[in-house]
Each structure stands twice: as C-alpha cells, then as structure tokens.
Protein backbone atom coordinates (compact mmCIF):
# COMPACT_ATOMS: atom_id res chain seq x y z
CA UNK A 1 177.86 87.07 -78.79
CA UNK A 2 181.27 88.55 -79.68
CA UNK A 3 183.40 85.48 -78.92
CA UNK A 4 183.18 85.29 -75.14
CA UNK A 5 184.50 87.40 -72.30
CA UNK A 6 187.71 89.38 -72.81
CA UNK A 7 190.98 87.82 -71.64
CA UNK A 8 192.39 88.95 -68.27
CA UNK A 9 194.81 91.85 -68.35
CA UNK A 10 198.50 90.93 -68.43
CA UNK A 11 200.74 91.66 -65.45
CA UNK A 12 202.19 95.14 -65.25
CA UNK A 13 204.82 95.71 -67.86
CA UNK A 14 203.81 92.66 -69.85
CA UNK A 15 202.69 94.39 -73.03
CA UNK A 16 200.13 97.16 -72.37
CA UNK A 17 196.37 97.16 -71.92
CA UNK A 18 194.24 94.35 -73.24
CA UNK A 19 192.57 94.74 -76.60
CA UNK A 20 188.87 95.64 -76.81
CA UNK A 21 186.50 92.72 -76.40
CA UNK A 22 186.11 90.64 -79.47
CA UNK A 23 188.88 92.35 -81.40
CA UNK A 24 191.40 89.51 -80.86
CA UNK A 25 194.26 91.91 -80.15
CA UNK A 26 196.72 93.54 -82.53
CA UNK A 27 198.38 91.48 -85.26
CA UNK A 28 201.52 89.72 -84.12
CA UNK A 29 204.82 91.39 -84.83
CA UNK A 30 206.99 90.07 -87.66
CA UNK A 31 208.63 86.74 -86.81
CA UNK A 32 206.06 85.82 -84.16
CA UNK A 33 204.30 83.23 -86.27
CA UNK A 34 201.69 85.06 -88.40
CA UNK A 35 198.62 83.18 -89.54
CA UNK A 36 198.91 79.39 -89.12
CA UNK A 37 198.62 77.14 -92.13
CA UNK A 38 195.29 75.34 -92.38
CA UNK A 39 195.29 72.00 -90.57
CA UNK A 40 193.80 68.79 -91.86
CA UNK A 41 190.16 68.23 -90.85
CA UNK A 42 189.99 66.87 -87.31
CA UNK A 43 193.76 67.35 -86.73
CA UNK A 44 195.29 69.83 -84.32
CA UNK A 45 197.35 72.65 -85.89
CA UNK A 46 201.09 72.37 -85.23
CA UNK A 47 202.48 74.30 -82.29
CA UNK A 48 205.20 76.89 -82.80
CA UNK A 49 208.63 75.95 -81.46
CA UNK A 50 209.78 78.50 -78.89
CA UNK A 51 213.47 78.74 -78.06
CA UNK A 52 214.24 81.05 -75.09
CA UNK A 53 217.55 82.92 -75.33
CA UNK A 54 218.47 81.75 -71.82
CA UNK A 55 217.46 78.80 -69.68
CA UNK A 56 214.22 79.62 -67.86
CA UNK A 57 212.81 78.17 -64.68
CA UNK A 58 210.20 75.78 -66.06
CA UNK A 59 206.56 75.36 -65.09
CA UNK A 60 205.90 71.86 -63.83
CA UNK A 61 202.73 70.61 -65.50
CA UNK A 62 201.33 67.47 -67.08
CA UNK A 63 200.53 67.80 -70.77
CA UNK A 64 197.22 66.44 -72.04
CA UNK A 65 197.71 64.04 -74.95
CA UNK A 66 196.68 65.57 -78.32
CA UNK A 67 194.15 62.76 -78.86
CA UNK A 68 192.14 64.03 -75.88
CA UNK A 69 192.24 67.70 -76.81
CA UNK A 70 189.49 67.56 -79.46
CA UNK A 71 186.94 66.43 -76.89
CA UNK A 72 187.99 68.85 -74.14
CA UNK A 73 187.73 72.52 -73.38
CA UNK A 74 191.21 73.02 -74.79
CA UNK A 75 190.00 72.62 -78.37
CA UNK A 76 188.74 76.23 -78.33
CA UNK A 77 191.77 77.69 -76.57
CA UNK A 78 194.48 79.11 -78.84
CA UNK A 79 197.55 80.78 -77.35
CA UNK A 80 199.40 81.30 -80.60
CA UNK A 81 198.03 84.83 -81.16
CA UNK A 82 199.05 86.14 -77.77
CA UNK A 83 201.91 88.61 -77.45
CA UNK A 84 204.59 87.82 -74.86
CA UNK A 85 207.47 90.03 -73.75
CA UNK A 86 210.29 87.50 -73.78
CA UNK A 87 212.81 89.93 -72.30
CA UNK A 88 210.61 90.40 -69.26
CA UNK A 89 210.14 86.65 -68.89
CA UNK A 90 213.90 86.20 -69.02
CA UNK A 91 214.42 88.85 -66.37
CA UNK A 92 211.82 87.26 -64.11
CA UNK A 93 212.49 83.53 -64.63
CA UNK A 94 215.90 83.28 -66.29
CA UNK A 95 218.43 81.27 -64.30
CA UNK A 96 221.43 83.30 -63.20
CA UNK A 97 224.87 81.78 -62.52
CA UNK A 98 226.11 83.32 -59.29
CA UNK A 99 229.85 83.83 -59.31
CA UNK A 100 231.95 84.30 -56.22
CA UNK A 101 232.80 87.88 -55.54
CA UNK A 102 236.43 88.49 -56.23
CA UNK A 103 238.58 90.93 -54.35
CA UNK A 104 240.32 93.61 -56.30
CA UNK A 105 243.67 91.97 -55.49
CA UNK A 106 242.56 88.49 -56.81
CA UNK A 107 240.78 88.80 -60.16
CA UNK A 108 238.61 85.86 -61.22
CA UNK A 109 240.41 83.38 -63.44
CA UNK A 110 238.69 83.08 -66.80
CA UNK A 111 236.95 79.72 -67.32
CA UNK A 112 238.81 77.60 -69.88
CA UNK A 113 236.51 76.23 -72.55
CA UNK A 114 237.58 72.87 -74.02
CA UNK A 115 236.95 72.06 -77.63
CA UNK A 116 235.11 68.82 -78.47
CA UNK A 117 235.41 67.34 -81.93
CA UNK A 118 234.22 63.80 -81.21
CA UNK A 119 230.63 62.67 -80.81
CA UNK A 120 229.53 62.88 -77.16
CA UNK A 121 228.46 59.22 -76.88
CA UNK A 122 231.70 58.04 -78.46
CA UNK A 123 233.67 60.34 -76.13
CA UNK A 124 231.91 58.86 -73.11
CA UNK A 125 232.70 55.27 -74.13
CA UNK A 126 236.35 56.03 -74.90
CA UNK A 127 236.64 57.98 -71.64
CA UNK A 128 235.46 54.96 -69.66
CA UNK A 129 238.13 52.78 -71.28
CA UNK A 130 241.09 55.08 -70.77
CA UNK A 131 240.00 55.82 -67.20
CA UNK A 132 240.58 52.14 -66.38
CA UNK A 133 244.12 52.13 -67.72
CA UNK A 134 246.63 53.49 -65.19
CA UNK A 135 248.66 55.21 -67.91
CA UNK A 136 248.46 58.65 -69.45
CA UNK A 137 247.77 58.86 -73.22
CA UNK A 138 251.46 59.52 -74.06
CA UNK A 139 252.46 56.47 -71.97
CA UNK A 140 249.88 54.32 -73.77
CA UNK A 141 251.26 55.46 -77.11
CA UNK A 142 254.82 54.68 -76.03
CA UNK A 143 253.81 51.19 -74.82
CA UNK A 144 252.26 50.45 -78.21
CA UNK A 145 255.28 51.74 -80.10
CA UNK A 146 257.55 49.52 -78.01
CA UNK A 147 255.13 46.53 -78.13
CA UNK A 148 255.41 46.43 -74.35
CA UNK A 149 253.30 43.58 -72.94
CA UNK A 150 254.39 44.44 -69.42
CA UNK A 151 252.66 47.82 -69.59
CA UNK A 152 249.38 46.58 -71.11
CA UNK A 153 247.51 43.38 -70.26
CA UNK A 154 245.10 41.36 -72.38
CA UNK A 155 241.87 43.03 -71.21
CA UNK A 156 243.34 46.52 -71.68
CA UNK A 157 244.47 45.67 -75.22
CA UNK A 158 241.00 44.33 -76.07
CA UNK A 159 239.44 47.54 -74.72
CA UNK A 160 241.85 49.75 -76.67
CA UNK A 161 240.87 47.96 -79.88
CA UNK A 162 237.44 49.55 -79.47
CA UNK A 163 239.05 52.98 -79.10
CA UNK A 164 241.02 53.07 -82.33
CA UNK A 165 240.11 56.35 -84.11
CA UNK A 166 237.97 55.88 -87.21
CA UNK A 167 239.10 57.47 -90.49
CA UNK A 168 236.58 60.29 -89.95
CA UNK A 169 237.80 60.93 -86.40
CA UNK A 170 241.40 60.83 -87.58
CA UNK A 171 240.59 63.43 -90.25
CA UNK A 172 238.88 65.66 -87.68
CA UNK A 173 241.94 65.61 -85.43
CA UNK A 174 244.42 66.16 -88.25
CA UNK A 175 242.54 69.06 -89.86
CA UNK A 176 241.94 70.94 -86.62
CA UNK A 177 243.87 74.20 -86.97
CA UNK A 178 243.02 75.79 -83.65
CA UNK A 179 244.79 75.80 -80.31
CA UNK A 180 245.38 72.09 -79.59
CA UNK A 181 245.83 72.78 -75.90
CA UNK A 182 242.10 73.55 -75.78
CA UNK A 183 241.12 70.11 -77.11
CA UNK A 184 239.13 67.83 -74.80
CA UNK A 185 240.71 64.74 -73.15
CA UNK A 186 239.38 62.31 -75.77
CA UNK A 187 240.60 64.51 -78.60
CA UNK A 188 244.04 64.66 -76.95
CA UNK A 189 244.01 60.86 -76.57
CA UNK A 190 243.17 60.43 -80.25
CA UNK A 191 245.91 62.92 -81.13
CA UNK A 192 248.44 60.55 -79.53
CA UNK A 193 246.93 57.39 -81.01
CA UNK A 194 247.07 58.60 -84.61
CA UNK A 195 250.83 59.07 -84.30
CA UNK A 196 251.36 55.32 -83.68
CA UNK A 197 252.01 53.57 -87.03
CA UNK A 198 249.80 50.54 -87.75
CA UNK A 199 247.89 51.22 -84.53
CA UNK A 200 245.09 48.72 -85.03
CA UNK A 201 247.45 46.05 -86.40
CA UNK A 202 249.73 46.48 -83.39
CA UNK A 203 246.85 45.97 -80.98
CA UNK A 204 245.60 42.93 -82.92
CA UNK A 205 249.09 41.45 -83.03
CA UNK A 206 249.66 41.94 -79.30
CA UNK A 207 246.33 40.27 -78.58
CA UNK A 208 247.17 37.38 -80.92
CA UNK A 209 250.54 36.93 -79.21
CA UNK A 210 248.78 36.55 -75.86
CA UNK A 211 246.00 34.23 -77.07
CA UNK A 212 247.54 32.22 -79.90
CA UNK A 213 249.01 29.25 -78.04
CA UNK A 214 245.83 28.41 -76.15
CA UNK A 215 243.47 28.94 -79.09
CA UNK A 216 245.65 27.11 -81.61
CA UNK A 217 246.24 24.18 -79.26
CA UNK A 218 242.50 23.94 -78.58
CA UNK A 219 241.76 23.74 -82.30
CA UNK A 220 244.56 21.21 -82.84
CA UNK A 221 243.36 19.04 -79.94
CA UNK A 222 239.74 19.07 -81.16
CA UNK A 223 240.73 18.03 -84.67
CA UNK A 224 242.99 15.28 -83.32
CA UNK A 225 240.12 13.93 -81.17
CA UNK A 226 237.76 13.86 -84.14
CA UNK A 227 240.23 12.13 -86.45
CA UNK A 228 241.24 9.60 -83.76
CA UNK A 229 237.61 8.74 -83.00
CA UNK A 230 236.81 8.26 -86.68
CA UNK A 231 239.61 5.72 -86.88
CA UNK A 232 238.57 4.04 -83.60
CA UNK A 233 234.94 3.63 -84.72
CA UNK A 234 236.05 2.21 -88.04
CA UNK A 235 238.29 -0.41 -86.41
CA UNK A 236 236.18 -1.27 -83.34
CA UNK A 237 235.46 -5.01 -83.17
CA UNK A 238 233.31 -4.57 -80.08
CA UNK A 239 231.02 -2.19 -81.94
CA UNK A 240 230.65 -4.59 -84.85
CA UNK A 241 229.84 -7.51 -82.55
CA UNK A 242 227.33 -5.40 -80.65
CA UNK A 243 225.59 -4.23 -83.83
CA UNK A 244 225.37 -7.82 -85.07
CA UNK A 245 223.87 -9.02 -81.79
CA UNK A 246 221.30 -6.21 -81.60
CA UNK A 247 220.37 -6.75 -85.27
CA UNK A 248 219.75 -10.44 -84.58
CA UNK A 249 217.65 -9.79 -81.46
CA UNK A 250 215.70 -7.05 -83.23
CA UNK A 251 214.86 -9.19 -86.24
CA UNK A 252 213.56 -11.90 -83.92
CA UNK A 253 211.47 -9.45 -81.91
CA UNK A 254 210.12 -7.92 -85.12
CA UNK A 255 209.55 -11.26 -86.83
CA UNK A 256 206.36 -11.38 -88.88
CA UNK A 257 206.10 -7.58 -89.08
CA UNK A 258 207.20 -4.93 -91.56
CA UNK A 259 210.06 -4.05 -89.23
CA UNK A 260 211.56 -7.52 -89.48
CA UNK A 261 214.11 -8.87 -91.94
CA UNK A 262 216.29 -5.78 -91.52
CA UNK A 263 219.85 -5.64 -92.81
CA UNK A 264 220.82 -2.81 -90.51
CA UNK A 265 219.45 0.04 -88.40
CA UNK A 266 220.22 3.68 -87.57
CA UNK A 267 222.60 4.46 -84.73
CA UNK A 268 219.96 6.47 -82.90
CA UNK A 269 218.01 3.22 -82.36
CA UNK A 270 220.77 2.02 -80.03
CA UNK A 271 219.89 4.71 -77.52
CA UNK A 272 216.26 3.47 -77.48
CA UNK A 273 216.96 -0.12 -76.42
CA UNK A 274 216.09 0.87 -72.87
CA UNK A 275 212.57 1.82 -74.00
CA UNK A 276 211.68 -1.83 -74.76
CA UNK A 277 210.75 -3.38 -71.42
CA UNK A 278 210.38 -7.05 -70.53
CA UNK A 279 206.91 -8.42 -69.81
CA UNK A 280 207.44 -8.30 -66.04
CA UNK A 281 208.49 -4.64 -66.37
CA UNK A 282 211.58 -5.39 -64.29
CA UNK A 283 214.18 -5.16 -67.05
CA UNK A 284 214.74 -3.83 -70.58
CA UNK A 285 216.19 -4.99 -73.87
CA UNK A 286 219.26 -2.91 -73.08
CA UNK A 287 219.89 -4.97 -69.92
CA UNK A 288 219.34 -8.19 -71.87
CA UNK A 289 221.95 -7.12 -74.44
CA UNK A 290 224.38 -6.08 -71.69
CA UNK A 291 223.96 -9.42 -69.87
CA UNK A 292 224.34 -11.52 -73.03
CA UNK A 293 227.47 -9.67 -74.13
CA UNK A 294 228.90 -9.31 -70.63
CA UNK A 295 232.40 -8.51 -69.43
CA UNK A 296 234.68 -6.39 -71.58
CA UNK A 297 232.38 -6.59 -74.59
CA UNK A 298 230.11 -3.93 -73.12
CA UNK A 299 233.00 -1.48 -72.66
CA UNK A 300 232.90 0.09 -76.11
CA UNK A 301 234.85 3.13 -74.98
CA UNK A 302 237.90 0.98 -74.30
CA UNK A 303 238.30 0.92 -78.09
CA UNK A 304 237.25 4.59 -78.48
CA UNK A 305 239.44 6.32 -75.94
CA UNK A 306 238.57 9.95 -76.82
CA UNK A 307 234.94 9.40 -77.87
CA UNK A 308 233.55 11.59 -75.10
CA UNK A 309 235.83 14.52 -76.00
CA UNK A 310 235.12 14.13 -79.72
CA UNK A 311 231.36 14.23 -79.03
CA UNK A 312 231.79 17.78 -77.68
CA UNK A 313 233.58 19.13 -80.76
CA UNK A 314 231.43 21.30 -83.02
CA UNK A 315 233.41 21.11 -86.23
CA UNK A 316 231.89 24.30 -87.70
CA UNK A 317 233.06 26.28 -84.67
CA UNK A 318 236.48 24.66 -84.89
CA UNK A 319 236.76 25.69 -88.52
CA UNK A 320 235.69 29.25 -87.63
CA UNK A 321 238.32 29.42 -84.88
CA UNK A 322 240.95 28.26 -87.36
CA UNK A 323 239.90 30.88 -89.92
CA UNK A 324 240.05 33.63 -87.27
CA UNK A 325 243.57 32.63 -86.25
CA UNK A 326 244.64 32.40 -89.87
CA UNK A 327 243.27 35.90 -90.56
CA UNK A 328 245.12 37.35 -87.56
CA UNK A 329 248.33 35.64 -88.62
CA UNK A 330 248.04 37.15 -92.09
CA UNK A 331 247.81 40.60 -90.48
CA UNK A 332 251.10 39.87 -88.73
CA UNK A 333 252.64 38.69 -91.98
CA UNK A 334 251.53 41.87 -93.77
CA UNK A 335 252.83 44.15 -91.02
CA UNK A 336 256.20 42.44 -90.96
CA UNK A 337 256.56 43.33 -94.62
CA UNK A 338 255.76 47.00 -94.01
CA UNK A 339 257.35 48.05 -90.73
CA UNK A 340 260.98 49.05 -90.55
CA UNK A 341 263.57 46.62 -89.25
CA UNK A 342 264.22 48.91 -86.29
CA UNK A 343 260.57 48.84 -85.21
CA UNK A 344 259.92 46.91 -81.99
CA UNK A 345 257.09 45.20 -83.88
CA UNK A 346 259.62 43.47 -86.13
CA UNK A 347 261.66 42.29 -83.17
CA UNK A 348 258.73 40.80 -81.25
CA UNK A 349 256.48 39.44 -84.00
CA UNK A 350 259.36 38.38 -86.23
CA UNK A 351 260.24 35.65 -83.73
CA UNK A 352 256.60 34.65 -83.17
CA UNK A 353 255.44 34.32 -86.75
CA UNK A 354 257.58 31.33 -87.96
CA UNK A 355 256.61 29.21 -84.96
CA UNK A 356 252.93 30.07 -85.34
CA UNK A 357 253.06 29.36 -89.07
CA UNK A 358 254.32 25.80 -88.49
CA UNK A 359 251.49 25.01 -86.07
CA UNK A 360 248.85 26.54 -88.33
CA UNK A 361 250.07 24.49 -91.30
CA UNK A 362 249.78 21.33 -89.20
CA UNK A 363 246.23 22.29 -88.17
CA UNK A 364 245.33 22.98 -91.80
CA UNK A 365 246.46 19.48 -92.81
CA UNK A 366 244.24 17.91 -90.14
CA UNK A 367 241.30 20.12 -91.05
CA UNK A 368 241.57 19.14 -94.71
CA UNK A 369 241.46 15.47 -93.67
CA UNK A 370 238.32 15.69 -91.53
CA UNK A 371 235.67 16.11 -94.22
CA UNK A 372 236.62 13.22 -96.55
CA UNK A 373 237.33 10.89 -93.61
CA UNK A 374 233.99 11.61 -92.00
CA UNK A 375 232.22 11.11 -95.31
CA UNK A 376 233.65 7.58 -95.46
CA UNK A 377 232.61 6.94 -91.85
CA UNK A 378 229.02 7.98 -92.57
CA UNK A 379 228.96 5.61 -95.51
CA UNK A 380 230.37 2.82 -93.34
CA UNK A 381 227.66 3.32 -90.71
CA UNK A 382 224.87 3.72 -93.26
CA UNK A 383 224.19 7.25 -92.02
CA UNK A 384 223.75 10.56 -93.80
CA UNK A 385 223.22 14.24 -93.06
CA UNK A 386 224.88 14.04 -89.66
CA UNK A 387 227.75 15.98 -88.15
CA UNK A 388 230.66 14.39 -86.29
CA UNK A 389 229.26 15.73 -83.01
CA UNK A 390 225.90 14.04 -83.70
CA UNK A 391 227.39 10.65 -84.61
CA UNK A 392 229.89 10.62 -81.74
CA UNK A 393 227.25 11.96 -79.38
CA UNK A 394 224.94 9.02 -80.18
CA UNK A 395 227.73 6.48 -79.75
CA UNK A 396 228.94 8.04 -76.52
CA UNK A 397 225.45 8.21 -75.04
CA UNK A 398 224.77 4.55 -75.92
CA UNK A 399 228.17 3.44 -74.60
CA UNK A 400 227.37 5.07 -71.25
CA UNK A 401 223.90 3.47 -71.18
CA UNK A 402 225.34 0.03 -71.94
CA UNK A 403 227.98 0.31 -69.22
CA UNK A 404 225.41 1.47 -66.69
CA UNK A 405 223.04 -1.39 -67.59
CA UNK A 406 225.83 -3.91 -67.08
CA UNK A 407 226.73 -2.30 -63.74
CA UNK A 408 223.07 -2.57 -62.71
CA UNK A 409 223.14 -6.29 -63.50
CA UNK A 410 226.35 -6.84 -61.49
CA UNK A 411 224.95 -4.95 -58.51
CA UNK A 412 221.69 -6.92 -58.67
CA UNK A 413 223.63 -10.20 -58.72
CA UNK A 414 225.71 -9.10 -55.75
CA UNK A 415 222.57 -8.15 -53.84
CA UNK A 416 221.00 -11.55 -54.67
CA UNK A 417 224.18 -13.35 -53.59
CA UNK A 418 224.24 -11.52 -50.27
CA UNK A 419 220.55 -12.25 -49.77
CA UNK A 420 221.12 -15.99 -50.40
CA UNK A 421 224.09 -16.03 -48.03
CA UNK A 422 222.03 -14.31 -45.36
CA UNK A 423 219.21 -16.83 -45.76
CA UNK A 424 221.65 -19.77 -45.53
CA UNK A 425 223.20 -18.29 -42.43
CA UNK A 426 219.76 -17.84 -40.93
CA UNK A 427 218.82 -21.46 -41.75
CA UNK A 428 221.96 -22.80 -40.10
CA UNK A 429 221.36 -20.68 -37.02
CA UNK A 430 217.82 -22.00 -36.68
CA UNK A 431 219.03 -25.62 -37.09
CA UNK A 432 221.65 -25.12 -34.38
CA UNK A 433 219.01 -23.64 -32.12
CA UNK A 434 216.78 -26.74 -32.54
CA UNK A 435 219.75 -29.05 -31.89
CA UNK A 436 220.60 -27.26 -28.68
CA UNK A 437 216.99 -27.43 -27.51
CA UNK A 438 216.90 -31.20 -28.09
CA UNK A 439 220.20 -31.67 -26.26
CA UNK A 440 218.89 -29.68 -23.34
CA UNK A 441 215.80 -31.91 -23.10
CA UNK A 442 217.92 -35.13 -23.10
CA UNK A 443 220.43 -33.89 -20.50
CA UNK A 444 218.43 -34.84 -17.26
CA UNK A 445 217.90 -38.45 -18.44
CA UNK A 446 221.58 -38.83 -19.25
CA UNK A 447 222.53 -37.42 -15.85
CA UNK A 448 220.18 -39.94 -14.12
CA UNK A 449 221.70 -42.82 -16.06
CA UNK A 450 225.20 -41.68 -15.13
CA UNK A 451 224.25 -41.43 -11.42
CA UNK A 452 222.77 -44.91 -11.36
CA UNK A 453 225.81 -46.31 -13.13
CA UNK A 454 228.03 -44.72 -10.51
CA UNK A 455 226.03 -46.26 -7.66
CA UNK A 456 226.21 -49.70 -9.26
CA UNK A 457 229.96 -49.35 -9.65
CA UNK A 458 230.33 -48.47 -5.96
CA UNK A 459 228.22 -51.52 -4.98
CA UNK A 460 230.41 -53.78 -7.07
CA UNK A 461 233.51 -52.56 -5.30
CA UNK A 462 231.93 -53.15 -1.91
CA UNK A 463 231.01 -56.69 -2.95
CA UNK A 464 234.54 -57.41 -4.02
CA UNK A 465 235.84 -56.17 -0.69
CA UNK A 466 233.26 -58.31 1.15
CA UNK A 467 234.45 -61.49 -0.49
CA UNK A 468 237.96 -60.78 0.69
CA UNK A 469 236.78 -60.20 4.32
CA UNK A 470 235.22 -63.40 5.85
CA UNK A 471 233.66 -61.45 8.66
CA UNK A 472 231.65 -59.29 6.27
CA UNK A 473 230.79 -62.02 3.74
CA UNK A 474 227.64 -63.19 5.47
CA UNK A 475 226.33 -59.62 5.89
CA UNK A 476 227.09 -58.60 2.27
CA UNK A 477 225.62 -61.80 0.92
CA UNK A 478 222.28 -60.94 2.45
CA UNK A 479 222.39 -57.28 1.15
CA UNK A 480 223.23 -58.27 -2.45
CA UNK A 481 220.57 -60.94 -2.46
CA UNK A 482 217.99 -58.30 -1.59
CA UNK A 483 219.27 -55.82 -4.22
CA UNK A 484 219.76 -58.29 -7.03
CA UNK A 485 216.28 -58.01 -8.38
CA UNK A 486 216.34 -54.17 -8.08
CA UNK A 487 219.66 -53.85 -9.91
CA UNK A 488 218.62 -56.14 -12.76
CA UNK A 489 215.42 -54.14 -13.22
CA UNK A 490 217.29 -50.81 -13.52
CA UNK A 491 218.17 -49.15 -16.96
CA UNK A 492 221.75 -50.12 -16.39
CA UNK A 493 220.79 -53.76 -16.90
CA UNK A 494 220.08 -53.00 -20.54
CA UNK A 495 223.57 -51.54 -21.15
CA UNK A 496 225.93 -54.10 -22.79
CA UNK A 497 228.95 -52.76 -20.97
CA UNK A 498 231.92 -54.66 -19.62
CA UNK A 499 231.29 -53.31 -16.13
CA UNK A 500 227.72 -54.60 -16.08
CA UNK A 501 228.83 -58.03 -17.21
CA UNK A 502 231.42 -58.25 -14.46
CA UNK A 503 228.85 -57.21 -11.85
CA UNK A 504 226.38 -59.88 -13.03
CA UNK A 505 229.02 -62.60 -12.81
CA UNK A 506 229.89 -61.57 -9.26
CA UNK A 507 226.27 -61.58 -8.21
CA UNK A 508 225.71 -64.97 -9.74
CA UNK A 509 228.72 -66.38 -7.95
CA UNK A 510 227.56 -64.92 -4.67
CA UNK A 511 224.19 -66.50 -5.10
CA UNK A 512 225.77 -69.88 -5.98
CA UNK A 513 228.16 -69.72 -3.09
CA UNK A 514 225.31 -69.17 -0.69
C-alpha cells in the first residue's frame, strides 16, 4: 500500500544503500533535472537529454514507440528520479583508445589536428572532385592562371565550376588568423582558388571555348533548316496539287452532309487518310490518292529537302541555347575589359571573341526572322496555335505515309504482273504437253503408212526391172496381177502422190500387155 516493493539495491559503489520503502529516495542533486514540468493530459512527459562526457559502450535494445507506452507496464515506470554515478559508468563502460607503448628512446609523435572551416558535406563533395584531377591544388591554380587547356579537360573544368568557393567560404578562408598549415585539404584547396582572379569567369570561359563551335553550329543549322522548310512549303507545287485533289475527293465523299462543301481542311487530316478504308477493306483513301497522283507527284519531300530535320527542331529550346551562348559570350566580353593585357586570359579569349561574335550575330539575324516568317506560313496554311515542329512534323509524317502507300501499290502491281506471267507460262506448258501427247498417239499410224509406202516403192522397182528382162516378164506379170487388187485397196492408194500415179500406170500397162 506504499507504492509497491522497494527497488533493487544498486551495484556496489553505485550510490549507497537504497532509500526506505515508499520514500522515493533523496531529492536529486542540483542540475540532475529536478521536478518535471506537468505534461499535457494523456501525453508522455519529455525525457531528459543525457550527454556522457566520453563515448560509452551502448546497450543494444529496441525502443518501444511512445504511442504504445500508455497501454503498457512502462506507463508507471519513471527513471528520471534515479541517481546515477556517471563517473563510475564512464570507468566501467567508457571506450578507451589504446596507444602503442613507446620506448623511452622513441617518444610518441603528437597527433596533428587539422582545422576544418568548411561544412562537412560540402568538403566531401569538393574532395571527390579534386581527387579525380591528377594535379595538386597549386598546379590547378597555375593551370587556371595560364588558361592551360592541355592541363584541364572539359569534364574537369565542369567539375571545378561546382567547387568555386562561395562568398561566405571565401570570407572564412581570408579571415582565418590561425596556423594555415593546420587547415584541412579542402580549406587549403580553397586558399589557392581564391588567389586566382576572376576564377569562375575563367572556368566558364574555358568551357565556352571548348563547347562553342559545336553548340553554335547546332543552333545555326537548326534555324537554317526551319527557315528553309518554311520557304519550301510556301513554294511547293506538289503540296498545292495534293491539297486540291484531297479537297475534291473529300467534298465528294462528304456530299450531302455537314462536312461537305469545304473550302479547306486542317493539315492533321492528311495523316488520317489511311483511316478511311474502301468497302472491300483491301485499300484506303490514302492509297487511292497515291495511285491517282502517281509518280513524282507523291514525293513531296523532293520539294522539301530538309523537312525531316526541321520537324525535329524545338524552336523554344533553340532560342534557349542561343540565349545561353549569348550570356556566356557577354561574360567573356566583360572579362576582357577587366583583365590586364599581360593576363593569359586576354591572349586566349581575345582571339576567340571576335570570331564568336560574328557567328552569334548571324544566328541572331536568323532567329529574328523565324517568328514573323512562321506567322505568315500559319496564315497561308489556315492554321493557328501551332509550333514549327508541329506543322513540319505533320507534313513529314504524311509525306512518309504517302510515299509508303505508293510503294505498296507498285509492289502489288509487280506481284500481280509476276502472277499473270506465271499463269501464262503454266498455260503454255500445259498446251505443249497436250500437243506432245497427240503427236505420240499419231506416230504408230504414220510409221505404218511409211512402211507400206516403202514396200510399194520396192515392188515398183522390181516391176520395172522385170519388164527389161524377158525371162522374168512372165513370172512378174503373174505376181503383179495377184497383188494389184491388194495394192489398190491399201491406204497408199488414197495418196495423190506422183509415185503412186507412176505405179498405177505401170500396173495398167502390164495388165494390157498380158
């Protein structure tokens, strides 16, 4: 009834005997917390922050979330009023750094403590950068003073731009009045960097020198493509003829509906011609248009030679790239006015600036021409609220579709032609086969007729010889008389040949002579 059993006694030397039961122990010494302020109803009182004088070996445990405390046994457990001998805890659990025993002849060298002025996260990032550059800080500073592009490459210059000391960091380095040999590596690096005049401008100028030609030429090429394509679209006769043909076909297809009687249509409708299929589902309106136009008339890109490149140009990005280059060039111009004539910056950038200025002025003239020219093109096409990339993208996509449709038609015609040729070849082969079969059937009859003709010819010769030989005449006369009827009844008798006529005359004469 006095608040529960007494707490267990502390370990020996941990603060004396426990207090009598229910007395709660002596009041805490000054500075040990005193009475806690009242907590809000239902909320846990704040815990006192304890900061050991040395690093202690921690107790590995898993803390219970405060939200679960109020419903657990821990809600009635309060350790804030307990007295703890911190010195004893430190002696028992404080981590000790063991140093190597030194001989009397070799005293231990005192550990050198470096001084850090820069934020730790910033120091880490800068340290990573300079660790990747195979130069010491003084060598980096010398390379920047001499504007030496052989010592530093493009990626290293870009990285160093992120390591330029801020005004606050510069002030910290300049106002440090201690031993500068004790400064940390990043502080020493910054100490070198702040001695380089126009440090950031030098880095920016070196980077511009390495990147300018490619970036400026890219911007110039993109603007030239856009301007050229605007002119090509405006002058394209093939495009005008195509639009007229599609308008005519569309008005006929839409006759009698609200979509008919149109005076024009949006460019995006060109890319949808392939969606209108023929009734047999074997072709589309796009293929019909391609077949009707035919030949070179479907090759719109022959009159728009850089249409595909212009379709990829995002004019807003091109303008941003120009503005970035212009801003960097103004930095060069400003530095040239400030640095001394003997400075390596003047020697290097003084030769670069005039050439770059000429190219940038040419780009500016083209850029100023784009907006009003494109405005006129939109008006010509009956379009609005479109960018050059959108307009050229639509035209390029349709031009590719039209060319592909025409190629499909040509391939289909070639396939049909080959099929017809194959069928004709097959028909001729079958006809030749029938002819040969008929000839084969007639061959035995012809051979029989030839054999009989040969026998008749031999008999004729024998008869002629018999007439010349009186001794054989009587014998041959009897033989031919017997064969006369047989010979006349043979198929040879029907042949109106000269040989048959001669044989008949001979036979008749023989019969008369007898």
